[in-house]
Amino acid sequence: GVSIQLIVRGMLSLIPGRKKMSENIEV
């Protein structure tokens, strides 16, 4: 339930916005 905001210019191995995995992560 932690809200996570990421500003990433280049390489990004994280997949944001996927249900039950990263739905609280915005990039």
PDB file of all heavy atoms in Angstrom:
ATOM      1  N   GLY A   1       0.771  -1.232   0.000  1.00  0.00           N
ATOM      2  CA  GLY A   1       0.000   0.000   0.000  1.00  0.00           C
ATOM      3  C   GLY A   1       0.802   1.283   0.000  1.00  0.00           C
ATOM      4  O   GLY A   1       0.235   2.377   0.137  1.00  0.00           O
ATOM      5  N   VAL A   2       2.126   1.198  -0.173  1.00  0.00           N
ATOM      6  CA  VAL A   2       2.951   2.406  -0.271  1.00  0.00           C
ATOM      7  C   VAL A   2       2.758   3.034  -1.650  1.00  0.00           C
ATOM      8  O   VAL A   2       2.809   2.334  -2.670  1.00  0.00           O
ATOM      9  CB  VAL A   2       4.437   2.075  -0.037  1.00  0.00           C
ATOM     10  CG1 VAL A   2       5.300   3.331  -0.186  1.00  0.00           C
ATOM     11  CG2 VAL A   2       4.647   1.444   1.331  1.00  0.00           C
ATOM     12  N   SER A   3       2.520   4.342  -1.686  1.00  0.00           N
ATOM     13  CA  SER A   3       2.440   5.060  -2.967  1.00  0.00           C
ATOM     14  C   SER A   3       3.855   5.365  -3.444  1.00  0.00           C
ATOM     15  O   SER A   3       4.666   5.923  -2.687  1.00  0.00           O
ATOM     16  CB  SER A   3       1.664   6.368  -2.796  1.00  0.00           C
ATOM     17  OG  SER A   3       0.328   6.097  -2.429  1.00  0.00           O
ATOM     18  N   ILE A   4       4.138   5.015  -4.688  1.00  0.00           N
ATOM     19  CA  ILE A   4       5.497   5.165  -5.227  1.00  0.00           C
ATOM     20  C   ILE A   4       5.429   5.937  -6.535  1.00  0.00           C
ATOM     21  O   ILE A   4       4.700   5.552  -7.454  1.00  0.00           O
ATOM     22  CB  ILE A   4       6.159   3.788  -5.450  1.00  0.00           C
ATOM     23  CG1 ILE A   4       6.202   3.002  -4.127  1.00  0.00           C
ATOM     24  CG2 ILE A   4       7.558   3.944  -6.035  1.00  0.00           C
ATOM     25  CD1 ILE A   4       6.629   1.557  -4.278  1.00  0.00           C
ATOM     26  N   GLN A   5       6.171   7.028  -6.596  1.00  0.00           N
ATOM     27  CA  GLN A   5       6.267   7.851  -7.811  1.00  0.00           C
ATOM     28  C   GLN A   5       7.717   7.828  -8.278  1.00  0.00           C
ATOM     29  O   GLN A   5       8.626   8.178  -7.514  1.00  0.00           O
ATOM     30  CB  GLN A   5       5.822   9.286  -7.533  1.00  0.00           C
ATOM     31  CG  GLN A   5       4.366   9.406  -7.119  1.00  0.00           C
ATOM     32  CD  GLN A   5       3.987  10.819  -6.720  1.00  0.00           C
ATOM     33  OE1 GLN A   5       4.842  11.656  -6.411  1.00  0.00           O
ATOM     34  NE2 GLN A   5       2.696  11.114  -6.726  1.00  0.00           N
ATOM     35  N   LEU A   6       7.940   7.427  -9.509  1.00  0.00           N
ATOM     36  CA  LEU A   6       9.285   7.294 -10.058  1.00  0.00           C
ATOM     37  C   LEU A   6       9.425   8.144 -11.308  1.00  0.00           C
ATOM     38  O   LEU A   6       8.561   8.104 -12.193  1.00  0.00           O
ATOM     39  CB  LEU A   6       9.586   5.837 -10.408  1.00  0.00           C
ATOM     40  CG  LEU A   6       9.381   4.777  -9.316  1.00  0.00           C
ATOM     41  CD1 LEU A   6       9.639   3.386  -9.886  1.00  0.00           C
ATOM     42  CD2 LEU A   6      10.281   5.045  -8.125  1.00  0.00           C
ATOM     43  N   ILE A   7      10.494   8.908 -11.371  1.00  0.00           N
ATOM     44  CA  ILE A   7      10.876   9.608 -12.604  1.00  0.00           C
ATOM     45  C   ILE A   7      12.177   8.963 -13.063  1.00  0.00           C
ATOM     46  O   ILE A   7      13.218   9.117 -12.421  1.00  0.00           O
ATOM     47  CB  ILE A   7      11.064  11.114 -12.376  1.00  0.00           C
ATOM     48  CG1 ILE A   7       9.789  11.741 -11.797  1.00  0.00           C
ATOM     49  CG2 ILE A   7      11.444  11.810 -13.685  1.00  0.00           C
ATOM     50  CD1 ILE A   7       9.939  13.206 -11.396  1.00  0.00           C
ATOM     51  N   VAL A   8      12.111   8.172 -14.136  1.00  0.00           N
ATOM     52  CA  VAL A   8      13.259   7.383 -14.599  1.00  0.00           C
ATOM     53  C   VAL A   8      13.506   7.712 -16.067  1.00  0.00           C
ATOM     54  O   VAL A   8      12.648   7.477 -16.915  1.00  0.00           O
ATOM     55  CB  VAL A   8      13.010   5.868 -14.423  1.00  0.00           C
ATOM     56  CG1 VAL A   8      14.242   5.085 -14.845  1.00  0.00           C
ATOM     57  CG2 VAL A   8      12.641   5.536 -12.980  1.00  0.00           C
ATOM     58  N   ARG A   9      14.696   8.229 -16.358  1.00  0.00           N
ATOM     59  CA  ARG A   9      14.981   8.669 -17.720  1.00  0.00           C
ATOM     60  C   ARG A   9      15.259   7.508 -18.669  1.00  0.00           C
ATOM     61  O   ARG A   9      14.800   7.490 -19.802  1.00  0.00           O
ATOM     62  CB  ARG A   9      16.199   9.604 -17.711  1.00  0.00           C
ATOM     63  CG  ARG A   9      16.473  10.279 -19.038  1.00  0.00           C
ATOM     64  CD  ARG A   9      17.871  10.863 -19.077  1.00  0.00           C
ATOM     65  NE  ARG A   9      18.895   9.856 -19.254  1.00  0.00           N
ATOM     66  CZ  ARG A   9      20.085   9.879 -18.666  1.00  0.00           C
ATOM     67  NH1 ARG A   9      20.382  10.840 -17.820  1.00  0.00           N
ATOM     68  NH2 ARG A   9      20.973   8.921 -18.893  1.00  0.00           N
ATOM     69  N   GLY A  10      16.068   6.545 -18.231  1.00  0.00           N
ATOM     70  CA  GLY A  10      16.592   5.550 -19.169  1.00  0.00           C
ATOM     71  C   GLY A  10      16.132   4.138 -18.892  1.00  0.00           C
ATOM     72  O   GLY A  10      14.960   3.808 -19.026  1.00  0.00           O
ATOM     73  N   MET A  11      17.075   3.257 -18.498  1.00  0.00           N
ATOM     74  CA  MET A  11      16.749   1.845 -18.262  1.00  0.00           C
ATOM     75  C   MET A  11      15.705   1.716 -17.152  1.00  0.00           C
ATOM     76  O   MET A  11      15.830   2.328 -16.094  1.00  0.00           O
ATOM     77  CB  MET A  11      17.993   1.068 -17.843  1.00  0.00           C
ATOM     78  CG  MET A  11      18.997   0.831 -18.944  1.00  0.00           C
ATOM     79  SD  MET A  11      20.376  -0.144 -18.255  1.00  0.00           S
ATOM     80  CE  MET A  11      21.487  -0.170 -19.663  1.00  0.00           C
ATOM     81  N   LEU A  12      14.706   0.876 -17.405  1.00  0.00           N
ATOM     82  CA  LEU A  12      13.670   0.625 -16.408  1.00  0.00           C
ATOM     83  C   LEU A  12      13.246  -0.829 -16.510  1.00  0.00           C
ATOM     84  O   LEU A  12      12.512  -1.210 -17.425  1.00  0.00           O
ATOM     85  CB  LEU A  12      12.464   1.550 -16.635  1.00  0.00           C
ATOM     86  CG  LEU A  12      11.294   1.338 -15.674  1.00  0.00           C
ATOM     87  CD1 LEU A  12      11.671   1.715 -14.248  1.00  0.00           C
ATOM     88  CD2 LEU A  12      10.074   2.118 -16.136  1.00  0.00           C
ATOM     89  N   SER A  13      13.717  -1.650 -15.571  1.00  0.00           N
ATOM     90  CA  SER A  13      13.325  -3.057 -15.562  1.00  0.00           C
ATOM     91  C   SER A  13      12.046  -3.287 -14.768  1.00  0.00           C
ATOM     92  O   SER A  13      11.426  -4.340 -14.889  1.00  0.00           O
ATOM     93  CB  SER A  13      14.456  -3.919 -14.982  1.00  0.00           C
ATOM     94  OG  SER A  13      15.565  -3.913 -15.866  1.00  0.00           O
ATOM     95  N   LEU A  14      11.659  -2.326 -13.951  1.00  0.00           N
ATOM     96  CA  LEU A  14      10.407  -2.413 -13.194  1.00  0.00           C
ATOM     97  C   LEU A  14       9.213  -2.240 -14.135  1.00  0.00           C
ATOM     98  O   LEU A  14       9.243  -1.406 -15.042  1.00  0.00           O
ATOM     99  CB  LEU A  14      10.414  -1.325 -12.120  1.00  0.00           C
ATOM    100  CG  LEU A  14       9.216  -1.196 -11.191  1.00  0.00           C
ATOM    101  CD1 LEU A  14       9.669  -0.717  -9.810  1.00  0.00           C
ATOM    102  CD2 LEU A  14       8.189  -0.204 -11.745  1.00  0.00           C
ATOM    103  N   ILE A  15       8.166  -3.029 -13.918  1.00  0.00           N
ATOM    104  CA  ILE A  15       6.939  -2.913 -14.716  1.00  0.00           C
ATOM    105  C   ILE A  15       5.869  -2.270 -13.838  1.00  0.00           C
ATOM    106  O   ILE A  15       5.345  -2.921 -12.930  1.00  0.00           O
ATOM    107  CB  ILE A  15       6.474  -4.289 -15.230  1.00  0.00           C
ATOM    108  CG1 ILE A  15       7.577  -4.945 -16.066  1.00  0.00           C
ATOM    109  CG2 ILE A  15       5.184  -4.154 -16.044  1.00  0.00           C
ATOM    110  CD1 ILE A  15       7.271  -6.375 -16.496  1.00  0.00           C
ATOM    111  N   PRO A  16       5.533  -0.999 -14.047  1.00  0.00           N
ATOM    112  CA  PRO A  16       4.568  -0.325 -13.174  1.00  0.00           C
ATOM    113  C   PRO A  16       3.121  -0.578 -13.595  1.00  0.00           C
ATOM    114  O   PRO A  16       2.832  -0.947 -14.737  1.00  0.00           O
ATOM    115  CB  PRO A  16       4.922   1.151 -13.367  1.00  0.00           C
ATOM    116  CG  PRO A  16       5.450   1.219 -14.759  1.00  0.00           C
ATOM    117  CD  PRO A  16       6.120  -0.092 -15.036  1.00  0.00           C
ATOM    118  N   GLY A  17       2.207  -0.398 -12.632  1.00  0.00           N
ATOM    119  CA  GLY A  17       0.777  -0.418 -12.936  1.00  0.00           C
ATOM    120  C   GLY A  17       0.186  -1.782 -13.175  1.00  0.00           C
ATOM    121  O   GLY A  17      -0.907  -1.882 -13.737  1.00  0.00           O
ATOM    122  N   ARG A  18       0.873  -2.842 -12.746  1.00  0.00           N
ATOM    123  CA  ARG A  18       0.336  -4.190 -12.939  1.00  0.00           C
ATOM    124  C   ARG A  18      -0.373  -4.634 -11.649  1.00  0.00           C
ATOM    125  O   ARG A  18       0.189  -4.546 -10.562  1.00  0.00           O
ATOM    126  CB  ARG A  18       1.436  -5.173 -13.306  1.00  0.00           C
ATOM    127  CG  ARG A  18       0.927  -6.576 -13.600  1.00  0.00           C
ATOM    128  CD  ARG A  18       1.959  -7.401 -14.332  1.00  0.00           C
ATOM    129  NE  ARG A  18       2.157  -6.924 -15.709  1.00  0.00           N
ATOM    130  CZ  ARG A  18       2.965  -7.514 -16.594  1.00  0.00           C
ATOM    131  NH1 ARG A  18       3.628  -8.609 -16.259  1.00  0.00           N
ATOM    132  NH2 ARG A  18       3.096  -7.025 -17.809  1.00  0.00           N
ATOM    133  N   LYS A  19      -1.602  -5.121 -11.800  1.00  0.00           N
ATOM    134  CA  LYS A  19      -2.416  -5.494 -10.641  1.00  0.00           C
ATOM    135  C   LYS A  19      -1.719  -6.565  -9.807  1.00  0.00           C
ATOM    136  O   LYS A  19      -1.087  -7.477 -10.323  1.00  0.00           O
ATOM    137  CB  LYS A  19      -3.790  -5.987 -11.090  1.00  0.00           C
ATOM    138  CG  LYS A  19      -4.709  -4.858 -11.551  1.00  0.00           C
ATOM    139  CD  LYS A  19      -6.111  -5.361 -11.800  1.00  0.00           C
ATOM    140  CE  LYS A  19      -7.034  -4.194 -12.190  1.00  0.00           C
ATOM    141  NZ  LYS A  19      -8.427  -4.652 -12.399  1.00  0.00           N
ATOM    142  N   LYS A  20      -1.865  -6.416  -8.492  1.00  0.00           N
ATOM    143  CA  LYS A  20      -1.331  -7.341  -7.495  1.00  0.00           C
ATOM    144  C   LYS A  20       0.197  -7.409  -7.506  1.00  0.00           C
ATOM    145  O   LYS A  20       0.780  -8.236  -6.811  1.00  0.00           O
ATOM    146  CB  LYS A  20      -1.916  -8.746  -7.671  1.00  0.00           C
ATOM    147  CG  LYS A  20      -3.416  -8.815  -7.471  1.00  0.00           C
ATOM    148  CD  LYS A  20      -3.903 -10.256  -7.575  1.00  0.00           C
ATOM    149  CE  LYS A  20      -5.421 -10.314  -7.367  1.00  0.00           C
ATOM    150  NZ  LYS A  20      -5.932 -11.704  -7.463  1.00  0.00           N
ATOM    151  N   MET A  21       0.848  -6.536  -8.277  1.00  0.00           N
ATOM    152  CA  MET A  21       2.307  -6.532  -8.275  1.00  0.00           C
ATOM    153  C   MET A  21       2.835  -5.109  -8.113  1.00  0.00           C
ATOM    154  O   MET A  21       3.693  -4.851  -7.265  1.00  0.00           O
ATOM    155  CB  MET A  21       2.858  -7.147  -9.571  1.00  0.00           C
ATOM    156  CG  MET A  21       4.383  -7.278  -9.578  1.00  0.00           C
ATOM    157  SD  MET A  21       5.024  -8.024 -11.090  1.00  0.00           S
ATOM    158  CE  MET A  21       4.994  -6.609 -12.205  1.00  0.00           C
ATOM    159  N   SER A  22       2.319  -4.183  -8.897  1.00  0.00           N
ATOM    160  CA  SER A  22       2.888  -2.828  -8.901  1.00  0.00           C
ATOM    161  C   SER A  22       1.820  -1.772  -9.157  1.00  0.00           C
ATOM    162  O   SER A  22       2.117  -0.729  -9.736  1.00  0.00           O
ATOM    163  CB  SER A  22       3.982  -2.745  -9.972  1.00  0.00           C
ATOM    164  OG  SER A  22       3.451  -3.094 -11.247  1.00  0.00           O
ATOM    165  N   GLU A  23       0.583  -2.028  -8.723  1.00  0.00           N
ATOM    166  CA  GLU A  23      -0.500  -1.101  -9.058  1.00  0.00           C
ATOM    167  C   GLU A  23      -0.377   0.231  -8.331  1.00  0.00           C
ATOM    168  O   GLU A  23      -1.013   1.210  -8.719  1.00  0.00           O
ATOM    169  CB  GLU A  23      -1.869  -1.731  -8.792  1.00  0.00           C
ATOM    170  CG  GLU A  23      -2.093  -2.259  -7.392  1.00  0.00           C
ATOM    171  CD  GLU A  23      -3.354  -3.114  -7.322  1.00  0.00           C
ATOM    172  OE1 GLU A  23      -4.401  -2.668  -7.806  1.00  0.00           O
ATOM    173  OE2 GLU A  23      -3.272  -4.247  -6.793  1.00  0.00           O
ATOM    174  N   ASN A  24       0.434   0.305  -7.272  1.00  0.00           N
ATOM    175  CA  ASN A  24       0.647   1.573  -6.571  1.00  0.00           C
ATOM    176  C   ASN A  24       1.919   2.285  -7.016  1.00  0.00           C
ATOM    177  O   ASN A  24       2.365   3.232  -6.369  1.00  0.00           O
ATOM    178  CB  ASN A  24       0.694   1.340  -5.058  1.00  0.00           C
ATOM    179  CG  ASN A  24      -0.676   0.988  -4.497  1.00  0.00           C
ATOM    180  OD1 ASN A  24      -1.667   1.638  -4.823  1.00  0.00           O
ATOM    181  ND2 ASN A  24      -0.728  -0.059  -3.682  1.00  0.00           N
ATOM    182  N   ILE A  25       2.510   1.800  -8.110  1.00  0.00           N
ATOM    183  CA  ILE A  25       3.733   2.427  -8.641  1.00  0.00           C
ATOM    184  C   ILE A  25       3.389   3.164  -9.928  1.00  0.00           C
ATOM    185  O   ILE A  25       2.833   2.577 -10.857  1.00  0.00           O
ATOM    186  CB  ILE A  25       4.827   1.376  -8.922  1.00  0.00           C
ATOM    187  CG1 ILE A  25       5.155   0.593  -7.649  1.00  0.00           C
ATOM    188  CG2 ILE A  25       6.082   2.064  -9.453  1.00  0.00           C
ATOM    189  CD1 ILE A  25       6.188  -0.510  -7.851  1.00  0.00           C
ATOM    190  N   GLU A  26       3.725   4.445  -9.960  1.00  0.00           N
ATOM    191  CA  GLU A  26       3.561   5.261 -11.162  1.00  0.00           C
ATOM    192  C   GLU A  26       4.937   5.681 -11.658  1.00  0.00           C
ATOM    193  O   GLU A  26       5.826   6.009 -10.860  1.00  0.00           O
ATOM    194  CB  GLU A  26       2.732   6.508 -10.864  1.00  0.00           C
ATOM    195  CG  GLU A  26       1.310   6.240 -10.414  1.00  0.00           C
ATOM    196  CD  GLU A  26       0.588   7.540 -10.099  1.00  0.00           C
ATOM    197  OE1 GLU A  26       0.699   7.989  -8.932  1.00  0.00           O
ATOM    198  OE2 GLU A  26      -0.050   8.114 -11.000  1.00  0.00           O
ATOM    199  N   VAL A  27       5.109   5.693 -12.974  1.00  0.00           N
ATOM    200  CA  VAL A  27       6.406   6.040 -13.560  1.00  0.00           C
ATOM    201  C   VAL A  27       6.206   7.013 -14.715  1.00  0.00           C
ATOM    202  O   VAL A  27       5.330   6.805 -15.568  1.00  0.00           O
ATOM    203  CB  VAL A  27       7.149   4.787 -14.086  1.00  0.00           C
ATOM    204  CG1 VAL A  27       8.494   5.182 -14.687  1.00  0.00           C
ATOM    205  CG2 VAL A  27       7.355   3.771 -12.977  1.00  0.00           C
TER     206      VAL A  27
END
